[in-house]
Amino acid sequence: MIELLRQRDLTKINYYQSLLEAAGIPTFIRNENLSTTEGVSIPDFFPALCIVNDSDEAAAVEIMRRDMDQAKKEVEGDVTCAKCSEVSPANFGTCWNCGTALEGMMA
């Protein structure tokens, strides 16, 4: 058993658990029920995503790293619309000015 991620936000823990489980990596969440306890702010008691098999560590870390890198790319930078040339944040799916899809465009 290896702990990969400890975070107060159980939603993020559940998200990464679903990514790993979809890739065939068995996981479990430690301290899942403690996260709902009122006033718990001690990091040792935050929910922790763990993998069952130590041999899955490299694959699990790579899956999580790729997802985090992709999320970072989606938030950073700007995108220029091919139709109207307006600049929108990179995490927008459509141009704020004309509504054209921005997928695949970068400024």
Foldseek 3Di string as FASTA:
>chain_A
DAWDDFDLDVVVLVVLCVQCVVVVFAKDKPLPVVSPDPPDDDSVNGITIGTDDPVCVVVSVVSVVVVVVVVVVQQDAWFADPPPRDIDGSVDQADPPPGHGRPPGHD
